[in-house]
């Protein structure tokens, strides 16, 4: 969309056929309804209400997921919806307000894969910088299956078990690619450490 007469896109306007790359900033305060303006706080430009002073922080959104293994393979889900429809990813999703990260990971596993899981350990935390909806912090857990039936659901159109050296393409998000790379590195180090302990 273009502004009348200026020939420039409006700030926050998405191009046709593209997912908007950043969340638009609020024009009115969610607390008092006053107009939002700009302030500089600790060297960062932020939106703040010109009436009540409320500052609208644009924080990353937490997402949680599970790494479920079967032998040398990892379970991945093909995305059923945009963004990155038909790309593969780790079963994961955004936290609900007030939800614990572990609860989110278990819920997302069930919703996307039909599997009930038990979390066994924290795997890692990754910065999600390429999701067009928001910036995310991805918290991943190792998990083992305790029940359920493997069946794509919720945001997944297909599920598959993939050896770490033969992952499908494309992988939806950079944070997922980084986590799978780290998992592959961890797997490669483990046989050597077992040999040294003999």
N, C-alpha and C. Protein backbone atom coordinates (compact mmCIF):
# COMPACT_ATOMS: atom_id res chain seq x y z
N UNK A 1 0.84 -1.17 0.00
CA UNK A 1 0.00 0.00 0.00
C UNK A 1 0.89 1.23 0.00
N UNK A 2 0.46 2.22 -0.69
CA UNK A 2 1.25 3.45 -0.78
C UNK A 2 0.43 4.62 -0.25
N UNK A 3 1.14 5.58 0.34
CA UNK A 3 0.50 6.82 0.78
C UNK A 3 0.05 7.61 -0.42
N UNK A 4 -1.06 8.28 -0.30
CA UNK A 4 -1.56 9.11 -1.39
C UNK A 4 -0.54 10.18 -1.75
N UNK A 5 -0.09 10.22 -3.00
CA UNK A 5 0.76 11.28 -3.51
C UNK A 5 2.22 11.20 -3.15
N UNK A 6 2.62 10.42 -2.16
CA UNK A 6 4.02 10.39 -1.74
C UNK A 6 4.81 9.31 -2.44
N UNK A 7 4.16 8.23 -2.86
CA UNK A 7 4.86 7.14 -3.53
C UNK A 7 5.68 6.27 -2.60
N UNK A 8 5.52 6.43 -1.29
CA UNK A 8 6.25 5.63 -0.32
C UNK A 8 5.28 4.76 0.47
N UNK A 9 5.71 3.54 0.84
CA UNK A 9 4.83 2.71 1.66
C UNK A 9 4.57 3.38 3.00
N UNK A 10 3.37 3.20 3.54
CA UNK A 10 3.07 3.67 4.89
C UNK A 10 3.88 2.87 5.88
N UNK A 11 4.37 3.47 6.97
CA UNK A 11 5.08 2.69 7.99
C UNK A 11 4.18 1.57 8.49
N UNK A 12 4.72 0.37 8.58
CA UNK A 12 3.96 -0.77 9.09
C UNK A 12 3.06 -1.42 8.07
N UNK A 13 2.99 -0.89 6.84
CA UNK A 13 2.12 -1.48 5.82
C UNK A 13 2.80 -2.69 5.20
N UNK A 14 2.05 -3.77 5.05
CA UNK A 14 2.60 -4.98 4.44
C UNK A 14 2.46 -4.88 2.93
N UNK A 15 3.43 -5.42 2.21
CA UNK A 15 3.32 -5.49 0.76
C UNK A 15 2.35 -6.61 0.40
N UNK A 16 1.72 -6.48 -0.75
CA UNK A 16 0.78 -7.51 -1.19
C UNK A 16 1.50 -8.85 -1.27
N UNK A 17 0.90 -9.89 -0.71
CA UNK A 17 1.47 -11.23 -0.77
C UNK A 17 2.58 -11.48 0.22
N UNK A 18 2.92 -10.52 1.04
CA UNK A 18 4.00 -10.68 2.02
C UNK A 18 3.42 -10.63 3.43
N UNK A 19 4.05 -11.37 4.33
CA UNK A 19 3.68 -11.28 5.73
C UNK A 19 4.42 -10.09 6.31
N UNK A 20 3.74 -9.30 7.10
CA UNK A 20 4.36 -8.10 7.66
C UNK A 20 5.56 -8.48 8.51
N UNK A 21 6.68 -7.80 8.30
CA UNK A 21 7.94 -8.15 8.94
C UNK A 21 8.04 -7.71 10.39
N UNK A 22 7.33 -6.68 10.79
CA UNK A 22 7.37 -6.24 12.18
C UNK A 22 5.98 -5.86 12.62
N UNK A 23 5.76 -5.92 13.92
CA UNK A 23 4.47 -5.50 14.45
C UNK A 23 4.37 -3.99 14.36
N UNK A 24 3.23 -3.48 13.94
CA UNK A 24 3.07 -2.02 13.92
C UNK A 24 3.03 -1.49 15.34
N UNK A 25 3.53 -0.28 15.51
CA UNK A 25 3.49 0.35 16.82
C UNK A 25 2.10 0.93 17.06
N UNK A 26 1.66 0.86 18.30
CA UNK A 26 0.35 1.39 18.66
C UNK A 26 0.33 2.91 18.51
N UNK A 27 -0.78 3.42 18.03
CA UNK A 27 -0.94 4.87 17.90
C UNK A 27 -1.63 5.47 19.12
N UNK A 28 -2.34 4.60 19.88
CA UNK A 28 -3.05 5.07 21.06
C UNK A 28 -2.69 4.18 22.25
N UNK A 29 -2.71 4.77 23.43
CA UNK A 29 -2.32 4.09 24.67
C UNK A 29 -3.35 3.04 25.06
N UNK A 30 -2.86 1.86 25.43
CA UNK A 30 -3.76 0.79 25.88
C UNK A 30 -4.25 1.02 27.31
N UNK A 31 -3.64 1.97 28.03
CA UNK A 31 -4.04 2.25 29.41
C UNK A 31 -5.10 3.35 29.47
N UNK A 32 -4.82 4.50 28.81
CA UNK A 32 -5.73 5.65 28.93
C UNK A 32 -6.33 6.11 27.61
N UNK A 33 -5.87 5.57 26.49
CA UNK A 33 -6.40 5.97 25.19
C UNK A 33 -5.75 7.21 24.59
N UNK A 34 -4.77 7.78 25.30
CA UNK A 34 -4.08 8.96 24.79
C UNK A 34 -3.20 8.63 23.60
N UNK A 35 -2.74 9.67 22.90
CA UNK A 35 -1.85 9.48 21.75
C UNK A 35 -0.48 9.01 22.21
N UNK A 36 0.11 8.11 21.41
CA UNK A 36 1.47 7.65 21.68
C UNK A 36 2.46 8.58 21.00
N UNK A 37 3.56 8.82 21.67
CA UNK A 37 4.66 9.60 21.11
C UNK A 37 5.95 8.80 21.25
N UNK A 38 7.08 9.45 21.10
CA UNK A 38 8.37 8.77 21.20
C UNK A 38 9.18 9.35 22.35
N UNK A 39 9.89 8.48 23.05
CA UNK A 39 10.85 8.89 24.07
C UNK A 39 12.13 8.09 23.84
N UNK A 40 13.21 8.53 24.45
CA UNK A 40 14.44 7.76 24.46
C UNK A 40 14.69 7.33 25.90
N UNK A 41 14.78 6.03 26.11
CA UNK A 41 15.01 5.46 27.43
C UNK A 41 16.23 4.55 27.35
N UNK A 42 17.27 4.87 28.11
CA UNK A 42 18.50 4.08 28.11
C UNK A 42 19.06 3.93 26.69
N UNK A 43 18.95 4.98 25.91
CA UNK A 43 19.49 4.98 24.55
C UNK A 43 18.64 4.28 23.51
N UNK A 44 17.43 3.84 23.89
CA UNK A 44 16.54 3.12 22.97
C UNK A 44 15.28 3.97 22.75
N UNK A 45 14.90 4.15 21.48
CA UNK A 45 13.66 4.87 21.15
C UNK A 45 12.48 3.94 21.42
N UNK A 46 11.51 4.46 22.17
CA UNK A 46 10.34 3.68 22.53
C UNK A 46 9.07 4.51 22.34
N UNK A 47 7.95 3.80 22.19
CA UNK A 47 6.65 4.47 22.16
C UNK A 47 6.18 4.68 23.59
N UNK A 48 5.68 5.88 23.87
CA UNK A 48 5.18 6.20 25.20
C UNK A 48 3.96 7.10 25.07
N UNK A 49 3.05 6.95 26.01
CA UNK A 49 1.83 7.75 25.99
C UNK A 49 2.16 9.19 26.36
N UNK A 50 1.63 10.12 25.56
CA UNK A 50 1.86 11.55 25.83
C UNK A 50 1.00 12.04 26.98
N UNK A 51 -0.01 11.25 27.38
CA UNK A 51 -0.90 11.66 28.46
C UNK A 51 -0.49 11.06 29.81
N UNK A 52 -0.41 9.71 29.88
CA UNK A 52 -0.16 9.06 31.18
C UNK A 52 1.27 8.56 31.35
N UNK A 53 2.07 8.57 30.28
CA UNK A 53 3.46 8.15 30.38
C UNK A 53 3.71 6.66 30.21
N UNK A 54 2.65 5.86 29.99
CA UNK A 54 2.82 4.42 29.79
C UNK A 54 3.81 4.17 28.65
N UNK A 55 4.77 3.26 28.88
CA UNK A 55 5.75 2.91 27.86
C UNK A 55 5.37 1.56 27.27
N UNK A 56 5.26 1.49 25.96
CA UNK A 56 4.90 0.24 25.28
C UNK A 56 6.18 -0.48 24.87
N UNK A 57 6.65 -1.37 25.72
CA UNK A 57 7.85 -2.15 25.42
C UNK A 57 7.52 -3.19 24.37
N UNK A 58 8.41 -3.37 23.42
CA UNK A 58 8.22 -4.37 22.36
C UNK A 58 9.15 -5.55 22.68
N UNK A 59 8.69 -6.40 23.58
CA UNK A 59 9.50 -7.52 24.06
C UNK A 59 9.34 -8.74 23.16
N UNK A 60 10.37 -9.60 23.14
CA UNK A 60 10.22 -10.86 22.40
C UNK A 60 9.16 -11.74 23.07
N UNK A 61 8.61 -12.64 22.28
CA UNK A 61 7.55 -13.54 22.75
C UNK A 61 8.16 -14.91 23.00
N UNK A 62 7.93 -15.51 24.19
CA UNK A 62 8.47 -16.84 24.44
C UNK A 62 7.71 -17.93 23.69
N UNK A 63 8.48 -18.87 23.13
CA UNK A 63 7.94 -20.06 22.48
C UNK A 63 8.67 -21.27 23.05
N UNK A 64 8.00 -22.40 23.12
CA UNK A 64 8.60 -23.59 23.71
C UNK A 64 8.32 -24.79 22.81
N UNK A 65 9.26 -25.74 22.83
CA UNK A 65 9.09 -26.93 22.01
C UNK A 65 9.86 -28.11 22.54
N UNK A 66 9.74 -29.22 21.81
CA UNK A 66 10.35 -30.48 22.25
C UNK A 66 11.18 -31.11 21.14
N UNK A 67 12.27 -31.71 21.56
CA UNK A 67 13.08 -32.56 20.69
C UNK A 67 12.78 -33.99 21.09
N UNK A 68 12.04 -34.68 20.25
CA UNK A 68 11.66 -36.07 20.51
C UNK A 68 12.49 -36.93 19.58
N UNK A 69 13.16 -37.94 20.14
CA UNK A 69 14.06 -38.79 19.36
C UNK A 69 13.53 -40.21 19.28
N UNK A 70 13.89 -40.86 18.17
CA UNK A 70 13.64 -42.29 17.99
C UNK A 70 14.90 -42.82 17.33
N UNK A 71 15.72 -43.51 18.10
CA UNK A 71 17.02 -43.92 17.59
C UNK A 71 17.82 -42.68 17.25
N UNK A 72 18.37 -42.62 16.05
CA UNK A 72 19.13 -41.45 15.63
C UNK A 72 18.29 -40.39 14.95
N UNK A 73 16.97 -40.57 14.93
CA UNK A 73 16.09 -39.64 14.21
C UNK A 73 15.41 -38.67 15.18
N UNK A 74 15.02 -37.52 14.65
CA UNK A 74 14.29 -36.51 15.41
C UNK A 74 12.94 -36.29 14.74
N UNK A 75 11.92 -36.03 15.55
CA UNK A 75 10.57 -35.79 15.04
C UNK A 75 10.42 -34.33 14.62
N UNK A 76 10.00 -34.12 13.38
CA UNK A 76 9.74 -32.77 12.87
C UNK A 76 8.32 -32.70 12.32
N UNK A 77 7.80 -31.48 12.30
CA UNK A 77 6.44 -31.23 11.81
C UNK A 77 6.50 -30.27 10.62
N UNK A 78 5.72 -30.58 9.59
CA UNK A 78 5.60 -29.67 8.45
C UNK A 78 4.51 -28.64 8.79
N UNK A 79 4.82 -27.37 8.60
CA UNK A 79 3.91 -26.29 8.96
C UNK A 79 2.70 -26.27 8.03
N UNK A 80 1.50 -26.18 8.63
CA UNK A 80 0.26 -26.15 7.86
C UNK A 80 -0.18 -24.73 7.50
N UNK A 81 0.40 -23.74 8.16
CA UNK A 81 -0.04 -22.35 7.97
C UNK A 81 1.15 -21.43 7.80
N UNK A 82 0.86 -20.24 7.28
CA UNK A 82 1.88 -19.18 7.21
C UNK A 82 2.15 -18.67 8.62
N UNK A 83 3.31 -18.17 8.91
CA UNK A 83 4.42 -18.02 7.97
C UNK A 83 5.16 -19.33 7.76
N UNK A 84 5.82 -19.43 6.64
CA UNK A 84 6.64 -20.57 6.25
C UNK A 84 5.84 -21.85 6.09
N UNK A 85 4.66 -21.72 5.52
CA UNK A 85 3.82 -22.90 5.26
C UNK A 85 4.61 -23.91 4.44
N UNK A 86 4.46 -25.18 4.76
CA UNK A 86 5.09 -26.34 4.12
C UNK A 86 6.56 -26.51 4.49
N UNK A 87 7.14 -25.61 5.25
CA UNK A 87 8.50 -25.81 5.75
C UNK A 87 8.43 -26.69 7.00
N UNK A 88 9.54 -27.30 7.35
CA UNK A 88 9.60 -28.22 8.49
C UNK A 88 10.13 -27.49 9.72
N UNK A 89 9.72 -27.98 10.89
CA UNK A 89 10.21 -27.39 12.12
C UNK A 89 10.06 -28.32 13.30
N UNK A 90 10.67 -27.92 14.38
CA UNK A 90 10.56 -28.63 15.65
C UNK A 90 9.15 -28.37 16.20
N UNK A 91 8.47 -29.39 16.75
CA UNK A 91 7.16 -29.13 17.35
C UNK A 91 7.29 -28.09 18.47
N UNK A 92 6.70 -26.93 18.27
CA UNK A 92 6.85 -25.81 19.21
C UNK A 92 5.73 -24.81 18.99
N UNK A 93 5.54 -23.93 19.96
CA UNK A 93 4.55 -22.88 19.82
C UNK A 93 4.68 -21.84 20.91
N UNK A 94 3.92 -20.77 20.76
CA UNK A 94 4.00 -19.65 21.70
C UNK A 94 3.33 -19.99 23.03
N UNK A 95 3.91 -19.43 24.11
CA UNK A 95 3.34 -19.58 25.44
C UNK A 95 2.06 -18.78 25.56
N UNK A 96 1.12 -19.32 26.30
CA UNK A 96 -0.08 -18.57 26.68
C UNK A 96 0.28 -17.73 27.91
N UNK A 97 -0.44 -16.63 28.09
CA UNK A 97 -0.18 -15.76 29.24
C UNK A 97 -0.38 -16.55 30.53
N UNK A 98 0.60 -16.51 31.42
CA UNK A 98 0.53 -17.21 32.70
C UNK A 98 0.94 -18.67 32.65
N UNK A 99 1.26 -19.18 31.48
CA UNK A 99 1.64 -20.59 31.32
C UNK A 99 3.12 -20.77 31.62
N UNK A 100 3.49 -21.89 32.20
CA UNK A 100 4.89 -22.23 32.47
C UNK A 100 5.51 -22.77 31.18
N UNK A 101 6.79 -22.49 30.92
CA UNK A 101 7.43 -23.00 29.69
C UNK A 101 7.31 -24.51 29.51
N UNK A 102 7.45 -25.28 30.60
CA UNK A 102 7.35 -26.73 30.48
C UNK A 102 5.94 -27.15 30.07
N UNK A 103 4.94 -26.48 30.62
CA UNK A 103 3.55 -26.78 30.26
C UNK A 103 3.31 -26.48 28.79
N UNK A 104 3.88 -25.37 28.31
CA UNK A 104 3.74 -25.01 26.90
C UNK A 104 4.34 -26.08 26.00
N UNK A 105 5.55 -26.53 26.33
CA UNK A 105 6.22 -27.54 25.51
C UNK A 105 5.41 -28.83 25.44
N UNK A 106 4.89 -29.28 26.58
CA UNK A 106 4.09 -30.51 26.63
C UNK A 106 2.79 -30.32 25.83
N UNK A 107 2.14 -29.17 26.00
CA UNK A 107 0.89 -28.89 25.28
C UNK A 107 1.11 -28.84 23.77
N UNK A 108 2.17 -28.16 23.35
CA UNK A 108 2.44 -28.05 21.92
C UNK A 108 2.76 -29.41 21.31
N UNK A 109 3.49 -30.25 22.03
CA UNK A 109 3.78 -31.60 21.53
C UNK A 109 2.48 -32.36 21.28
N UNK A 110 1.56 -32.31 22.23
CA UNK A 110 0.28 -33.01 22.09
C UNK A 110 -0.55 -32.42 20.95
N UNK A 111 -0.63 -31.09 20.88
CA UNK A 111 -1.45 -30.44 19.85
C UNK A 111 -0.92 -30.71 18.44
N UNK A 112 0.40 -30.67 18.28
CA UNK A 112 0.96 -30.79 16.93
C UNK A 112 1.23 -32.23 16.51
N UNK A 113 1.51 -33.12 17.48
CA UNK A 113 1.92 -34.48 17.11
C UNK A 113 1.00 -35.58 17.61
N UNK A 114 0.09 -35.27 18.53
CA UNK A 114 -0.77 -36.29 19.11
C UNK A 114 -0.07 -37.12 20.18
N UNK A 115 1.18 -36.78 20.51
CA UNK A 115 1.95 -37.55 21.48
C UNK A 115 1.96 -36.88 22.85
N UNK A 116 1.82 -37.71 23.89
CA UNK A 116 2.05 -37.24 25.25
C UNK A 116 3.53 -37.45 25.54
N UNK A 117 4.15 -36.44 26.11
CA UNK A 117 5.59 -36.52 26.36
C UNK A 117 5.92 -36.16 27.79
N UNK A 118 7.07 -36.65 28.23
CA UNK A 118 7.65 -36.26 29.52
C UNK A 118 8.95 -35.54 29.19
N UNK A 119 9.11 -34.34 29.73
CA UNK A 119 10.34 -33.59 29.51
C UNK A 119 11.44 -34.20 30.35
N UNK A 120 12.61 -34.42 29.75
CA UNK A 120 13.71 -35.04 30.47
C UNK A 120 14.81 -34.06 30.84
N UNK A 121 14.99 -33.00 30.04
CA UNK A 121 15.98 -31.97 30.37
C UNK A 121 15.80 -30.78 29.45
N UNK A 122 16.35 -29.66 29.88
CA UNK A 122 16.38 -28.47 29.03
C UNK A 122 17.47 -28.67 27.99
N UNK A 123 17.14 -28.45 26.72
CA UNK A 123 18.14 -28.58 25.65
C UNK A 123 18.85 -27.26 25.40
N UNK A 124 18.09 -26.18 25.22
CA UNK A 124 18.71 -24.90 24.93
C UNK A 124 17.70 -23.80 24.72
N UNK A 125 18.22 -22.58 24.64
CA UNK A 125 17.41 -21.39 24.43
C UNK A 125 17.97 -20.66 23.22
N UNK A 126 17.10 -20.27 22.30
CA UNK A 126 17.52 -19.67 21.03
C UNK A 126 16.75 -18.38 20.76
N UNK A 127 17.44 -17.43 20.14
CA UNK A 127 16.80 -16.17 19.75
C UNK A 127 16.15 -16.36 18.39
N UNK A 128 14.86 -16.09 18.31
CA UNK A 128 14.13 -16.18 17.05
C UNK A 128 14.08 -14.82 16.39
N UNK A 129 14.88 -14.64 15.35
CA UNK A 129 15.00 -13.32 14.72
C UNK A 129 14.35 -13.26 13.35
N UNK A 130 13.83 -14.36 12.84
CA UNK A 130 13.33 -14.33 11.47
C UNK A 130 11.86 -14.73 11.32
N UNK A 131 11.12 -14.74 12.42
CA UNK A 131 9.68 -14.95 12.33
C UNK A 131 9.05 -13.60 12.00
N UNK A 132 8.34 -13.51 10.88
CA UNK A 132 7.80 -12.20 10.48
C UNK A 132 6.74 -11.65 11.43
N UNK A 133 6.20 -12.47 12.32
CA UNK A 133 5.16 -11.99 13.23
C UNK A 133 5.73 -11.25 14.43
N UNK A 134 6.90 -11.69 14.89
CA UNK A 134 7.46 -11.14 16.12
C UNK A 134 8.89 -11.63 16.30
N UNK A 135 9.57 -11.11 17.26
CA UNK A 135 10.83 -11.69 17.71
C UNK A 135 10.45 -12.70 18.79
N UNK A 136 11.15 -13.81 18.83
CA UNK A 136 10.80 -14.86 19.79
C UNK A 136 12.02 -15.32 20.56
N UNK A 137 11.77 -15.93 21.70
CA UNK A 137 12.79 -16.64 22.46
C UNK A 137 12.31 -18.09 22.49
N UNK A 138 13.04 -18.99 21.84
CA UNK A 138 12.64 -20.39 21.73
C UNK A 138 13.34 -21.21 22.81
N UNK A 139 12.53 -21.84 23.67
CA UNK A 139 13.02 -22.69 24.75
C UNK A 139 12.72 -24.13 24.36
N UNK A 140 13.78 -24.94 24.24
CA UNK A 140 13.60 -26.33 23.79
C UNK A 140 13.99 -27.32 24.88
N UNK A 141 13.21 -28.39 24.96
CA UNK A 141 13.44 -29.46 25.93
C UNK A 141 13.64 -30.79 25.20
N UNK A 142 14.48 -31.65 25.78
CA UNK A 142 14.49 -33.06 25.38
C UNK A 142 13.22 -33.67 25.96
N UNK A 143 12.58 -34.57 25.22
CA UNK A 143 11.36 -35.20 25.71
C UNK A 143 11.30 -36.64 25.23
N UNK A 144 10.64 -37.48 26.04
CA UNK A 144 10.40 -38.86 25.61
C UNK A 144 8.90 -39.10 25.57
N UNK A 145 8.50 -39.97 24.65
CA UNK A 145 7.08 -40.25 24.45
C UNK A 145 6.58 -41.14 25.57
N UNK A 146 5.42 -40.78 26.15
CA UNK A 146 4.80 -41.59 27.20
C UNK A 146 3.45 -42.15 26.77
N UNK A 147 2.92 -41.68 25.63
CA UNK A 147 1.61 -42.16 25.17
C UNK A 147 1.13 -41.36 23.98
N UNK A 148 -0.11 -41.61 23.62
CA UNK A 148 -0.69 -40.91 22.49
C UNK A 148 -0.46 -41.65 21.18
N UNK A 149 -0.98 -41.08 20.11
CA UNK A 149 -0.84 -41.65 18.77
C UNK A 149 -0.27 -40.59 17.86
N UNK A 150 0.80 -40.93 17.16
CA UNK A 150 1.45 -39.98 16.26
C UNK A 150 0.48 -39.59 15.14
N UNK A 151 0.08 -38.32 15.14
CA UNK A 151 -0.87 -37.83 14.14
C UNK A 151 -0.74 -36.31 14.05
N UNK A 152 -0.54 -35.81 12.83
CA UNK A 152 -0.42 -34.36 12.63
C UNK A 152 -1.71 -33.67 13.02
N UNK A 153 -1.58 -32.61 13.76
CA UNK A 153 -2.75 -31.85 14.18
C UNK A 153 -2.39 -30.40 14.40
N UNK A 154 -3.38 -29.60 14.74
CA UNK A 154 -3.18 -28.18 15.05
C UNK A 154 -2.49 -27.47 13.90
N UNK A 155 -1.24 -27.07 14.07
CA UNK A 155 -0.52 -26.30 13.05
C UNK A 155 0.31 -27.17 12.12
N UNK A 156 0.25 -28.49 12.25
CA UNK A 156 1.08 -29.39 11.44
C UNK A 156 0.25 -30.07 10.36
N UNK A 157 0.82 -30.18 9.16
CA UNK A 157 0.14 -30.91 8.08
C UNK A 157 0.72 -32.30 7.90
N UNK A 158 1.92 -32.52 8.42
CA UNK A 158 2.60 -33.81 8.25
C UNK A 158 3.67 -33.92 9.33
N UNK A 159 3.98 -35.14 9.73
CA UNK A 159 5.04 -35.41 10.70
C UNK A 159 6.02 -36.39 10.09
N UNK A 160 7.26 -36.33 10.54
CA UNK A 160 8.24 -37.29 10.05
C UNK A 160 9.41 -37.43 10.99
N UNK A 161 9.99 -38.63 10.98
CA UNK A 161 11.21 -38.90 11.73
C UNK A 161 12.37 -38.77 10.76
N UNK A 162 13.36 -37.95 11.10
CA UNK A 162 14.46 -37.67 10.18
C UNK A 162 15.80 -37.85 10.87
N UNK A 163 16.74 -38.59 10.21
CA UNK A 163 18.10 -38.64 10.73
C UNK A 163 18.69 -37.24 10.69
N UNK A 164 19.51 -36.90 11.66
CA UNK A 164 20.06 -35.54 11.74
C UNK A 164 20.94 -35.18 10.56
N UNK A 165 21.50 -36.18 9.88
CA UNK A 165 22.33 -35.90 8.71
C UNK A 165 21.51 -35.86 7.42
N UNK A 166 20.20 -36.10 7.50
CA UNK A 166 19.33 -36.08 6.32
C UNK A 166 18.02 -35.37 6.65
N UNK A 167 18.13 -34.12 7.09
CA UNK A 167 16.94 -33.35 7.46
C UNK A 167 16.22 -32.85 6.21
N UNK A 168 14.90 -32.71 6.29
CA UNK A 168 14.16 -32.19 5.14
C UNK A 168 14.46 -30.70 4.96
N UNK A 169 14.13 -30.21 3.79
CA UNK A 169 14.29 -28.77 3.53
C UNK A 169 13.00 -28.23 2.97
N UNK A 170 12.72 -26.99 3.25
CA UNK A 170 13.46 -26.11 4.13
C UNK A 170 13.04 -26.29 5.58
N UNK A 171 13.94 -25.92 6.49
CA UNK A 171 13.60 -25.81 7.91
C UNK A 171 13.08 -24.38 8.10
N UNK A 172 11.94 -24.25 8.78
CA UNK A 172 11.18 -23.00 8.79
C UNK A 172 11.92 -21.79 9.36
N UNK A 173 12.57 -21.95 10.49
CA UNK A 173 13.13 -20.80 11.18
C UNK A 173 14.60 -21.02 11.53
N UNK A 174 15.33 -19.94 11.55
CA UNK A 174 16.76 -20.00 11.87
C UNK A 174 17.01 -20.62 13.25
N UNK A 175 16.17 -20.27 14.24
CA UNK A 175 16.35 -20.84 15.57
C UNK A 175 16.21 -22.36 15.55
N UNK A 176 15.32 -22.89 14.72
CA UNK A 176 15.16 -24.34 14.59
C UNK A 176 16.39 -24.94 13.91
N UNK A 177 16.90 -24.27 12.88
CA UNK A 177 18.11 -24.76 12.20
C UNK A 177 19.29 -24.79 13.16
N UNK A 178 19.42 -23.74 13.98
CA UNK A 178 20.52 -23.69 14.95
C UNK A 178 20.38 -24.80 15.99
N UNK A 179 19.18 -25.05 16.47
CA UNK A 179 18.97 -26.11 17.46
C UNK A 179 19.28 -27.48 16.88
N UNK A 180 18.84 -27.73 15.65
CA UNK A 180 19.12 -29.02 15.01
C UNK A 180 20.60 -29.19 14.74
N UNK A 181 21.28 -28.10 14.39
CA UNK A 181 22.74 -28.14 14.21
C UNK A 181 23.40 -28.51 15.54
N UNK A 182 22.96 -27.89 16.64
CA UNK A 182 23.54 -28.18 17.95
C UNK A 182 23.25 -29.62 18.38
N UNK A 183 22.06 -30.12 18.07
CA UNK A 183 21.72 -31.50 18.39
C UNK A 183 22.62 -32.46 17.61
N UNK A 184 22.86 -32.16 16.34
CA UNK A 184 23.75 -32.99 15.51
C UNK A 184 25.17 -32.98 16.09
N UNK A 185 25.66 -31.81 16.48
CA UNK A 185 27.00 -31.72 17.08
C UNK A 185 27.08 -32.51 18.38
N UNK A 186 26.03 -32.42 19.19
CA UNK A 186 26.00 -33.15 20.45
C UNK A 186 26.05 -34.66 20.19
N UNK A 187 25.30 -35.13 19.20
CA UNK A 187 25.30 -36.55 18.86
C UNK A 187 26.68 -37.01 18.39
N UNK A 188 27.36 -36.17 17.63
CA UNK A 188 28.69 -36.54 17.12
C UNK A 188 29.73 -36.60 18.22
N UNK A 189 29.58 -35.78 19.27
CA UNK A 189 30.54 -35.78 20.38
C UNK A 189 30.34 -36.96 21.31
N UNK A 190 29.12 -37.44 21.47
CA UNK A 190 28.83 -38.48 22.44
C UNK A 190 29.59 -39.78 22.20
N UNK A 191 29.69 -40.31 20.98
CA UNK A 191 30.44 -41.56 20.80
C UNK A 191 31.90 -41.41 21.22
N UNK A 192 32.52 -40.25 20.93
CA UNK A 192 33.91 -40.04 21.31
C UNK A 192 34.08 -40.04 22.82
N UNK A 193 33.16 -39.39 23.54
CA UNK A 193 33.28 -39.34 25.00
C UNK A 193 33.09 -40.73 25.59
N UNK A 194 32.24 -41.57 24.97
CA UNK A 194 32.07 -42.94 25.46
C UNK A 194 33.34 -43.75 25.24
N UNK A 195 34.00 -43.53 24.07
CA UNK A 195 35.24 -44.26 23.79
C UNK A 195 36.33 -43.89 24.78
N UNK A 196 36.42 -42.59 25.15
CA UNK A 196 37.44 -42.14 26.10
C UNK A 196 37.23 -42.74 27.48
N UNK A 197 35.97 -42.99 27.85
CA UNK A 197 35.69 -43.49 29.19
C UNK A 197 35.95 -44.98 29.33
N UNK A 198 36.25 -45.65 28.22
CA UNK A 198 36.50 -47.10 28.29
C UNK A 198 37.89 -47.39 28.78
